Structures are given as structure tokens and as C-alpha cells.
Amino acid sequence: MIVDRDQAKKIVIKLHAEGQKIVFTNGCFDILHRGHVEYLNRAKELGDFLMVGLNSDQSVRRLKGATRPYQSESDRAEMLHNLRSVDLVTIFEEDTPLELICELKPDILVKGGDYDIASIVGAKEIQTWGGMVKIIPFIEGYGTSKLIEKIVKDAQI
């Protein structure tokens, strides 16, 4: 499901009351590829419910530049929502998901292998309420930047 922040908070309260383990990850997911899908599948295996915080269009522009995102936040949310592993998508406007993480208080915060725990936004905070931070190894050969480079190169032929 795709929900706003307030709905996400209500869902989290209900899930925690039921004893479910909530996994949270975030990102731009501008060009969805196999690396993303495998990452999200592995994240889902860590708990009962996978929530994805999706950077808004404005947030992506501030992070990636004026030409991004290539796909709108509604299109990106819809694609994520339709993956078997993703239970909930909520869009956030900030440059980082810190406020969202602190509001939702998931049990497990997940990021890809291109991060270390010290650099993960929200890692310190989630650990203060007894949550865990997990790093899923990066899948070699799959990445948005590599895919964009290939598309640009192929377009120049």
C-alpha cells in the first residue's frame, strides 16, 4: 500500500501492538533494477513487514541534481508497491529519512552494502530504542549509476 506519513504511523502502532517486526529502508529508487529487487527481497526476510521511505521528487532533485528523478514519485511508489516484498511505501520530503525513522520507530533499519553503520542516517537513533541496523551486501554489477552510464553510452552509438 502507498500511504501518507500519518497513515504509516497508525499502521506501525497497530503492527507493534500485534508483535510484528517492522523493517524499514529508504531510497530514491529512480530506475528500479534487479539489484533493488534483490535488496528489497532480502530486507523483507529480516522481519514481518517491510516499509519503504521514498524520497519525494523535490528531495531527489536536491540530492541528485536538476535532471533527476527520471520517474515521478507516484510512478516510483507504484512500482515499489507492486513488488511482492514491499508492504508499504510512504514518501518523505526531507533530504534524509531521519524524521520519518524517528516517527515510525521501526525494529530494523536496512541499507545496502555501500554504507557502513556509522554513515547510516537513523542508525544511532534506532539503536536507542532497541532496534537493529542491518547492512545487506551490495550486489555487484547492479546499480543505478551503472545502468544510466550504459543507457547514455548506448544512446551515443
N, C-alpha and C. Protein backbone atom coordinates (compact mmCIF):
# COMPACT_ATOMS: atom_id res chain seq x y z
N MET A 1 0.83 -1.18 0.00
CA MET A 1 0.00 0.00 0.00
C MET A 1 0.88 1.25 0.00
N ILE A 2 0.35 2.29 -0.57
CA ILE A 2 1.03 3.58 -0.59
C ILE A 2 0.23 4.49 0.33
N VAL A 3 0.88 4.99 1.37
CA VAL A 3 0.16 5.79 2.37
C VAL A 3 0.96 7.04 2.73
N ASP A 4 0.25 8.02 3.28
CA ASP A 4 0.96 9.21 3.76
C ASP A 4 1.56 8.91 5.13
N ARG A 5 2.31 9.86 5.63
CA ARG A 5 3.04 9.68 6.88
C ARG A 5 2.14 9.37 8.07
N ASP A 6 1.02 10.09 8.16
CA ASP A 6 0.11 9.87 9.28
C ASP A 6 -0.47 8.46 9.26
N GLN A 7 -0.84 8.00 8.07
CA GLN A 7 -1.36 6.63 7.95
C GLN A 7 -0.26 5.63 8.30
N ALA A 8 0.97 5.89 7.87
CA ALA A 8 2.09 4.99 8.17
C ALA A 8 2.27 4.86 9.68
N LYS A 9 2.19 5.98 10.40
CA LYS A 9 2.33 5.95 11.86
C LYS A 9 1.24 5.09 12.52
N LYS A 10 0.01 5.22 12.05
CA LYS A 10 -1.09 4.43 12.60
C LYS A 10 -0.88 2.94 12.33
N ILE A 11 -0.41 2.63 11.15
CA ILE A 11 -0.16 1.23 10.79
C ILE A 11 0.95 0.64 11.67
N VAL A 12 2.00 1.42 11.90
CA VAL A 12 3.11 0.96 12.74
C VAL A 12 2.63 0.68 14.16
N ILE A 13 1.83 1.56 14.71
CA ILE A 13 1.30 1.36 16.06
C ILE A 13 0.53 0.04 16.13
N LYS A 14 -0.32 -0.21 15.14
CA LYS A 14 -1.11 -1.44 15.08
C LYS A 14 -0.20 -2.67 14.96
N LEU A 15 0.79 -2.60 14.08
CA LEU A 15 1.69 -3.74 13.87
C LEU A 15 2.51 -4.03 15.12
N HIS A 16 3.01 -2.98 15.77
CA HIS A 16 3.76 -3.20 17.01
C HIS A 16 2.88 -3.82 18.09
N ALA A 17 1.63 -3.39 18.16
CA ALA A 17 0.70 -3.96 19.14
C ALA A 17 0.47 -5.45 18.88
N GLU A 18 0.55 -5.84 17.61
CA GLU A 18 0.38 -7.25 17.23
C GLU A 18 1.67 -8.05 17.37
N GLY A 19 2.75 -7.37 17.75
CA GLY A 19 4.03 -8.05 17.92
C GLY A 19 4.80 -8.30 16.64
N GLN A 20 4.42 -7.61 15.57
CA GLN A 20 5.12 -7.81 14.30
C GLN A 20 6.43 -7.01 14.26
N LYS A 21 7.41 -7.58 13.59
CA LYS A 21 8.71 -6.94 13.44
C LYS A 21 8.71 -6.11 12.15
N ILE A 22 8.95 -4.81 12.31
CA ILE A 22 8.90 -3.88 11.18
C ILE A 22 10.30 -3.58 10.68
N VAL A 23 10.49 -3.75 9.38
CA VAL A 23 11.75 -3.45 8.71
C VAL A 23 11.54 -2.18 7.90
N PHE A 24 12.52 -1.27 7.96
CA PHE A 24 12.43 -0.01 7.22
C PHE A 24 13.68 0.17 6.37
N THR A 25 13.47 0.61 5.15
CA THR A 25 14.56 1.07 4.31
C THR A 25 14.08 2.28 3.54
N ASN A 26 15.00 2.94 2.87
CA ASN A 26 14.62 4.14 2.13
C ASN A 26 15.50 4.30 0.90
N GLY A 27 15.07 5.18 0.03
CA GLY A 27 15.87 5.50 -1.13
C GLY A 27 15.08 6.25 -2.18
N CYS A 28 15.77 6.54 -3.28
CA CYS A 28 15.15 7.25 -4.40
C CYS A 28 14.46 6.27 -5.35
N PHE A 29 15.06 5.11 -5.56
CA PHE A 29 14.52 4.08 -6.45
C PHE A 29 14.05 4.69 -7.77
N ASP A 30 14.93 5.49 -8.36
CA ASP A 30 14.57 6.24 -9.56
C ASP A 30 14.46 5.34 -10.79
N ILE A 31 15.41 4.45 -10.95
CA ILE A 31 15.34 3.47 -12.03
C ILE A 31 15.41 2.11 -11.36
N LEU A 32 14.27 1.51 -11.19
CA LEU A 32 14.20 0.23 -10.50
C LEU A 32 14.89 -0.86 -11.32
N HIS A 33 15.78 -1.62 -10.68
CA HIS A 33 16.53 -2.67 -11.37
C HIS A 33 16.65 -3.89 -10.47
N ARG A 34 17.25 -4.94 -11.01
CA ARG A 34 17.35 -6.21 -10.30
C ARG A 34 18.04 -6.07 -8.94
N GLY A 35 19.07 -5.25 -8.87
CA GLY A 35 19.74 -5.04 -7.59
C GLY A 35 18.79 -4.54 -6.52
N HIS A 36 17.90 -3.61 -6.89
CA HIS A 36 16.90 -3.11 -5.95
C HIS A 36 15.96 -4.24 -5.50
N VAL A 37 15.49 -5.01 -6.48
CA VAL A 37 14.52 -6.06 -6.17
C VAL A 37 15.13 -7.10 -5.23
N GLU A 38 16.35 -7.52 -5.50
CA GLU A 38 17.00 -8.50 -4.63
C GLU A 38 17.27 -7.92 -3.25
N TYR A 39 17.68 -6.66 -3.19
CA TYR A 39 17.90 -5.97 -1.92
C TYR A 39 16.61 -5.94 -1.10
N LEU A 40 15.51 -5.54 -1.73
CA LEU A 40 14.23 -5.46 -1.02
C LEU A 40 13.74 -6.85 -0.59
N ASN A 41 13.96 -7.86 -1.40
CA ASN A 41 13.60 -9.23 -1.00
C ASN A 41 14.37 -9.64 0.24
N ARG A 42 15.66 -9.34 0.28
CA ARG A 42 16.47 -9.71 1.45
C ARG A 42 16.08 -8.91 2.67
N ALA A 43 15.72 -7.64 2.47
CA ALA A 43 15.26 -6.81 3.60
C ALA A 43 13.99 -7.39 4.20
N LYS A 44 13.07 -7.81 3.37
CA LYS A 44 11.79 -8.37 3.83
C LYS A 44 12.02 -9.62 4.68
N GLU A 45 13.03 -10.41 4.33
CA GLU A 45 13.32 -11.64 5.07
C GLU A 45 13.71 -11.38 6.53
N LEU A 46 14.06 -10.13 6.85
CA LEU A 46 14.51 -9.79 8.20
C LEU A 46 13.37 -9.56 9.19
N GLY A 47 12.15 -9.45 8.68
CA GLY A 47 11.04 -9.17 9.58
C GLY A 47 9.71 -9.57 8.98
N ASP A 48 8.65 -9.03 9.56
CA ASP A 48 7.29 -9.36 9.14
C ASP A 48 6.71 -8.38 8.14
N PHE A 49 7.16 -7.13 8.19
CA PHE A 49 6.53 -6.06 7.42
C PHE A 49 7.61 -5.12 6.92
N LEU A 50 7.69 -4.92 5.60
CA LEU A 50 8.72 -4.04 5.02
C LEU A 50 8.11 -2.72 4.59
N MET A 51 8.63 -1.66 5.19
CA MET A 51 8.22 -0.29 4.85
C MET A 51 9.35 0.36 4.07
N VAL A 52 8.99 1.07 3.00
CA VAL A 52 9.98 1.80 2.21
C VAL A 52 9.66 3.28 2.29
N GLY A 53 10.63 4.06 2.76
CA GLY A 53 10.54 5.51 2.72
C GLY A 53 11.10 5.96 1.39
N LEU A 54 10.29 6.61 0.58
CA LEU A 54 10.68 7.01 -0.77
C LEU A 54 10.92 8.52 -0.82
N ASN A 55 12.11 8.91 -1.29
CA ASN A 55 12.40 10.33 -1.45
C ASN A 55 11.41 10.96 -2.44
N SER A 56 10.86 12.10 -2.08
CA SER A 56 9.96 12.83 -2.97
C SER A 56 10.74 13.34 -4.19
N ASP A 57 10.03 13.80 -5.19
CA ASP A 57 10.69 14.36 -6.37
C ASP A 57 11.61 15.50 -6.00
N GLN A 58 11.14 16.41 -5.14
CA GLN A 58 11.97 17.55 -4.73
C GLN A 58 13.22 17.09 -3.98
N SER A 59 13.06 16.11 -3.12
CA SER A 59 14.19 15.57 -2.37
C SER A 59 15.22 14.96 -3.32
N VAL A 60 14.75 14.19 -4.31
CA VAL A 60 15.67 13.59 -5.28
C VAL A 60 16.42 14.68 -6.04
N ARG A 61 15.73 15.74 -6.45
CA ARG A 61 16.39 16.84 -7.18
C ARG A 61 17.51 17.46 -6.34
N ARG A 62 17.22 17.66 -5.06
CA ARG A 62 18.25 18.26 -4.20
C ARG A 62 19.45 17.32 -4.03
N LEU A 63 19.18 16.01 -3.99
CA LEU A 63 20.25 15.03 -3.78
C LEU A 63 21.00 14.67 -5.05
N LYS A 64 20.29 14.56 -6.17
CA LYS A 64 20.86 14.00 -7.40
C LYS A 64 21.05 15.02 -8.52
N GLY A 65 20.45 16.21 -8.41
CA GLY A 65 20.59 17.22 -9.44
C GLY A 65 19.29 17.48 -10.19
N ALA A 66 19.31 18.55 -10.97
CA ALA A 66 18.10 19.07 -11.62
C ALA A 66 17.49 18.12 -12.64
N THR A 67 18.27 17.20 -13.19
CA THR A 67 17.73 16.29 -14.21
C THR A 67 17.02 15.07 -13.60
N ARG A 68 17.12 14.90 -12.33
CA ARG A 68 16.51 13.75 -11.67
C ARG A 68 15.31 14.20 -10.84
N PRO A 69 14.38 13.38 -10.53
CA PRO A 69 14.31 11.97 -10.90
C PRO A 69 13.86 11.81 -12.35
N TYR A 70 14.13 10.65 -12.89
CA TYR A 70 13.68 10.33 -14.24
C TYR A 70 12.21 9.92 -14.23
N GLN A 71 11.76 9.41 -13.10
CA GLN A 71 10.36 8.99 -12.96
C GLN A 71 9.76 9.71 -11.76
N SER A 72 8.49 10.02 -11.85
CA SER A 72 7.82 10.77 -10.78
C SER A 72 7.71 9.93 -9.51
N GLU A 73 7.52 10.62 -8.40
CA GLU A 73 7.38 9.92 -7.12
C GLU A 73 6.18 8.97 -7.15
N SER A 74 5.11 9.36 -7.81
CA SER A 74 3.94 8.48 -7.86
C SER A 74 4.24 7.22 -8.67
N ASP A 75 4.99 7.36 -9.78
CA ASP A 75 5.37 6.18 -10.56
C ASP A 75 6.33 5.29 -9.78
N ARG A 76 7.31 5.90 -9.10
CA ARG A 76 8.27 5.13 -8.32
C ARG A 76 7.57 4.40 -7.17
N ALA A 77 6.65 5.09 -6.51
CA ALA A 77 5.90 4.48 -5.41
C ALA A 77 5.05 3.31 -5.91
N GLU A 78 4.43 3.49 -7.05
CA GLU A 78 3.57 2.43 -7.60
C GLU A 78 4.39 1.19 -7.95
N MET A 79 5.56 1.38 -8.54
CA MET A 79 6.40 0.22 -8.86
C MET A 79 6.85 -0.51 -7.60
N LEU A 80 7.30 0.25 -6.59
CA LEU A 80 7.73 -0.38 -5.34
C LEU A 80 6.57 -1.12 -4.68
N HIS A 81 5.44 -0.47 -4.64
CA HIS A 81 4.25 -1.04 -4.02
C HIS A 81 3.87 -2.38 -4.65
N ASN A 82 4.16 -2.54 -5.92
CA ASN A 82 3.79 -3.77 -6.63
C ASN A 82 4.83 -4.87 -6.53
N LEU A 83 5.90 -4.65 -5.81
CA LEU A 83 6.86 -5.72 -5.56
C LEU A 83 6.34 -6.58 -4.41
N ARG A 84 6.47 -7.87 -4.55
CA ARG A 84 5.96 -8.82 -3.56
C ARG A 84 6.51 -8.55 -2.16
N SER A 85 7.76 -8.11 -2.08
CA SER A 85 8.40 -7.94 -0.78
C SER A 85 7.99 -6.67 -0.04
N VAL A 86 7.48 -5.68 -0.74
CA VAL A 86 7.19 -4.37 -0.14
C VAL A 86 5.75 -4.33 0.35
N ASP A 87 5.60 -4.05 1.65
CA ASP A 87 4.27 -3.98 2.25
C ASP A 87 3.70 -2.57 2.27
N LEU A 88 4.58 -1.58 2.37
CA LEU A 88 4.11 -0.20 2.49
C LEU A 88 5.15 0.75 1.93
N VAL A 89 4.68 1.77 1.24
CA VAL A 89 5.54 2.84 0.73
C VAL A 89 4.98 4.15 1.26
N THR A 90 5.85 4.99 1.77
CA THR A 90 5.46 6.34 2.16
C THR A 90 6.53 7.30 1.65
N ILE A 91 6.10 8.44 1.17
CA ILE A 91 7.00 9.42 0.57
C ILE A 91 7.39 10.45 1.63
N PHE A 92 8.68 10.81 1.64
CA PHE A 92 9.13 11.85 2.55
C PHE A 92 9.80 12.97 1.77
N GLU A 93 9.64 14.19 2.27
CA GLU A 93 10.12 15.40 1.58
C GLU A 93 11.53 15.82 1.96
N GLU A 94 11.98 15.38 3.13
CA GLU A 94 13.29 15.81 3.62
C GLU A 94 14.42 15.17 2.80
N ASP A 95 15.63 15.69 2.97
CA ASP A 95 16.78 15.12 2.26
C ASP A 95 17.20 13.78 2.84
N THR A 96 16.90 13.55 4.11
CA THR A 96 17.20 12.27 4.74
C THR A 96 15.93 11.74 5.40
N PRO A 97 15.88 10.46 5.68
CA PRO A 97 14.69 9.88 6.32
C PRO A 97 14.70 9.96 7.84
N LEU A 98 15.60 10.74 8.42
CA LEU A 98 15.76 10.74 9.88
C LEU A 98 14.44 11.03 10.61
N GLU A 99 13.73 12.08 10.23
CA GLU A 99 12.47 12.40 10.91
C GLU A 99 11.47 11.26 10.78
N LEU A 100 11.39 10.68 9.59
CA LEU A 100 10.46 9.58 9.36
C LEU A 100 10.81 8.37 10.21
N ILE A 101 12.09 8.04 10.27
CA ILE A 101 12.54 6.91 11.08
C ILE A 101 12.18 7.15 12.55
N CYS A 102 12.43 8.36 13.03
CA CYS A 102 12.13 8.67 14.43
C CYS A 102 10.63 8.65 14.71
N GLU A 103 9.82 9.00 13.72
CA GLU A 103 8.37 8.95 13.90
C GLU A 103 7.85 7.51 13.89
N LEU A 104 8.38 6.70 12.98
CA LEU A 104 7.86 5.34 12.80
C LEU A 104 8.45 4.33 13.79
N LYS A 105 9.68 4.56 14.22
CA LYS A 105 10.37 3.66 15.15
C LYS A 105 10.32 2.19 14.71
N PRO A 106 10.87 1.91 13.53
CA PRO A 106 10.90 0.50 13.09
C PRO A 106 11.83 -0.32 13.97
N ASP A 107 11.71 -1.64 13.86
CA ASP A 107 12.56 -2.54 14.64
C ASP A 107 13.92 -2.74 13.98
N ILE A 108 13.93 -2.71 12.65
CA ILE A 108 15.17 -2.95 11.90
C ILE A 108 15.29 -1.91 10.80
N LEU A 109 16.44 -1.28 10.73
CA LEU A 109 16.77 -0.32 9.69
C LEU A 109 17.75 -1.01 8.75
N VAL A 110 17.45 -1.01 7.46
CA VAL A 110 18.27 -1.72 6.49
C VAL A 110 18.81 -0.76 5.44
N LYS A 111 20.09 -0.94 5.10
CA LYS A 111 20.70 -0.20 3.99
C LYS A 111 21.58 -1.17 3.21
N GLY A 112 21.96 -0.73 2.02
CA GLY A 112 22.79 -1.56 1.15
C GLY A 112 24.24 -1.54 1.55
N GLY A 113 25.00 -2.49 1.00
CA GLY A 113 26.39 -2.69 1.35
C GLY A 113 27.34 -1.57 1.00
N ASP A 114 26.85 -0.55 0.30
CA ASP A 114 27.70 0.59 0.01
C ASP A 114 27.70 1.59 1.18
N TYR A 115 27.10 1.21 2.30
CA TYR A 115 27.09 2.01 3.52
C TYR A 115 27.82 1.27 4.63
N ASP A 116 28.28 2.02 5.63
CA ASP A 116 28.72 1.41 6.88
C ASP A 116 27.82 1.98 7.96
N ILE A 117 27.72 1.28 9.07
CA ILE A 117 26.75 1.68 10.10
C ILE A 117 26.94 3.12 10.56
N ALA A 118 28.18 3.57 10.67
CA ALA A 118 28.43 4.93 11.13
C ALA A 118 27.85 5.99 10.20
N SER A 119 27.69 5.66 8.91
CA SER A 119 27.19 6.65 7.95
C SER A 119 25.69 6.52 7.66
N ILE A 120 25.03 5.58 8.30
CA ILE A 120 23.60 5.37 8.02
C ILE A 120 22.77 6.33 8.86
N VAL A 121 21.99 7.14 8.16
CA VAL A 121 21.10 8.09 8.83
C VAL A 121 20.06 7.30 9.63
N GLY A 122 19.96 7.62 10.91
CA GLY A 122 18.99 6.98 11.79
C GLY A 122 19.53 5.79 12.56
N ALA A 123 20.75 5.36 12.25
CA ALA A 123 21.32 4.18 12.92
C ALA A 123 21.42 4.40 14.43
N LYS A 124 21.98 5.52 14.81
CA LYS A 124 22.15 5.82 16.23
C LYS A 124 20.79 5.89 16.93
N GLU A 125 19.85 6.53 16.28
CA GLU A 125 18.52 6.71 16.89
C GLU A 125 17.80 5.37 17.05
N ILE A 126 17.83 4.53 16.03
CA ILE A 126 17.11 3.26 16.12
C ILE A 126 17.70 2.37 17.22
N GLN A 127 19.01 2.46 17.41
CA GLN A 127 19.64 1.66 18.45
C GLN A 127 19.25 2.14 19.84
N THR A 128 18.87 3.42 19.98
CA THR A 128 18.46 3.93 21.30
C THR A 128 17.16 3.31 21.78
N TRP A 129 16.29 2.89 20.86
CA TRP A 129 15.05 2.24 21.30
C TRP A 129 15.10 0.73 21.12
N GLY A 130 16.30 0.19 21.01
CA GLY A 130 16.48 -1.26 20.97
C GLY A 130 16.37 -1.89 19.60
N GLY A 131 16.30 -1.06 18.56
CA GLY A 131 16.24 -1.59 17.20
C GLY A 131 17.61 -1.98 16.69
N MET A 132 17.62 -2.62 15.54
CA MET A 132 18.87 -3.07 14.93
C MET A 132 19.09 -2.41 13.57
N VAL A 133 20.35 -2.33 13.19
CA VAL A 133 20.72 -1.84 11.87
C VAL A 133 21.38 -3.00 11.13
N LYS A 134 20.91 -3.26 9.92
CA LYS A 134 21.46 -4.34 9.11
C LYS A 134 21.93 -3.78 7.77
N ILE A 135 23.07 -4.28 7.34
CA ILE A 135 23.59 -3.92 6.03
C ILE A 135 23.51 -5.15 5.14
N ILE A 136 22.84 -4.98 4.00
CA ILE A 136 22.72 -6.06 3.04
C ILE A 136 23.80 -5.87 1.99
N PRO A 137 24.62 -6.89 1.75
CA PRO A 137 25.71 -6.75 0.79
C PRO A 137 25.22 -6.27 -0.57
N PHE A 138 26.00 -5.37 -1.15
CA PHE A 138 25.70 -4.81 -2.46
C PHE A 138 25.85 -5.90 -3.51
N ILE A 139 24.96 -5.98 -4.43
CA ILE A 139 25.00 -6.98 -5.48
C ILE A 139 25.82 -6.42 -6.64
N GLU A 140 26.99 -6.99 -6.86
CA GLU A 140 27.89 -6.49 -7.89
C GLU A 140 27.24 -6.52 -9.27
N GLY A 141 27.52 -5.47 -10.03
CA GLY A 141 27.04 -5.41 -11.40
C GLY A 141 25.67 -4.75 -11.54
N TYR A 142 25.02 -4.45 -10.42
CA TYR A 142 23.71 -3.83 -10.47
C TYR A 142 23.73 -2.53 -9.68
N GLY A 143 23.47 -1.46 -10.36
CA GLY A 143 23.42 -0.16 -9.71
C GLY A 143 22.83 0.85 -10.66
N THR A 144 22.15 1.84 -10.11
CA THR A 144 21.51 2.85 -10.94
C THR A 144 22.53 3.61 -11.77
N SER A 145 23.64 4.00 -11.16
CA SER A 145 24.64 4.77 -11.90
C SER A 145 25.20 3.98 -13.07
N LYS A 146 25.49 2.69 -12.86
CA LYS A 146 25.98 1.85 -13.95
C LYS A 146 24.95 1.72 -15.06
N LEU A 147 23.70 1.59 -14.68
CA LEU A 147 22.64 1.46 -15.67
C LEU A 147 22.50 2.75 -16.48
N ILE A 148 22.55 3.88 -15.82
CA ILE A 148 22.47 5.17 -16.52
C ILE A 148 23.65 5.32 -17.47
N GLU A 149 24.85 4.99 -17.01
CA GLU A 149 26.03 5.06 -17.88
C GLU A 149 25.86 4.19 -19.12
N LYS A 150 25.33 3.00 -18.96
CA LYS A 150 25.12 2.09 -20.09
C LYS A 150 24.10 2.68 -21.07
N ILE A 151 23.02 3.23 -20.55
CA ILE A 151 21.99 3.81 -21.42
C ILE A 151 22.56 4.98 -22.21
N VAL A 152 23.31 5.85 -21.53
CA VAL A 152 23.92 7.00 -22.20
C VAL A 152 24.91 6.54 -23.26
N LYS A 153 25.75 5.59 -22.93
CA LYS A 153 26.72 5.07 -23.87
C LYS A 153 26.05 4.46 -25.09
N ASP A 154 25.04 3.65 -24.84
CA ASP A 154 24.31 3.01 -25.94
C ASP A 154 23.59 4.04 -26.82
N ALA A 155 23.12 5.11 -26.22
CA ALA A 155 22.41 6.14 -26.99
C ALA A 155 23.36 6.90 -27.91
N GLN A 156 24.65 6.90 -27.59
CA GLN A 156 25.63 7.63 -28.40
C GLN A 156 26.15 6.82 -29.58
N ILE A 157 25.77 5.56 -29.65
CA ILE A 157 26.26 4.70 -30.73
C ILE A 157 25.54 5.02 -32.03
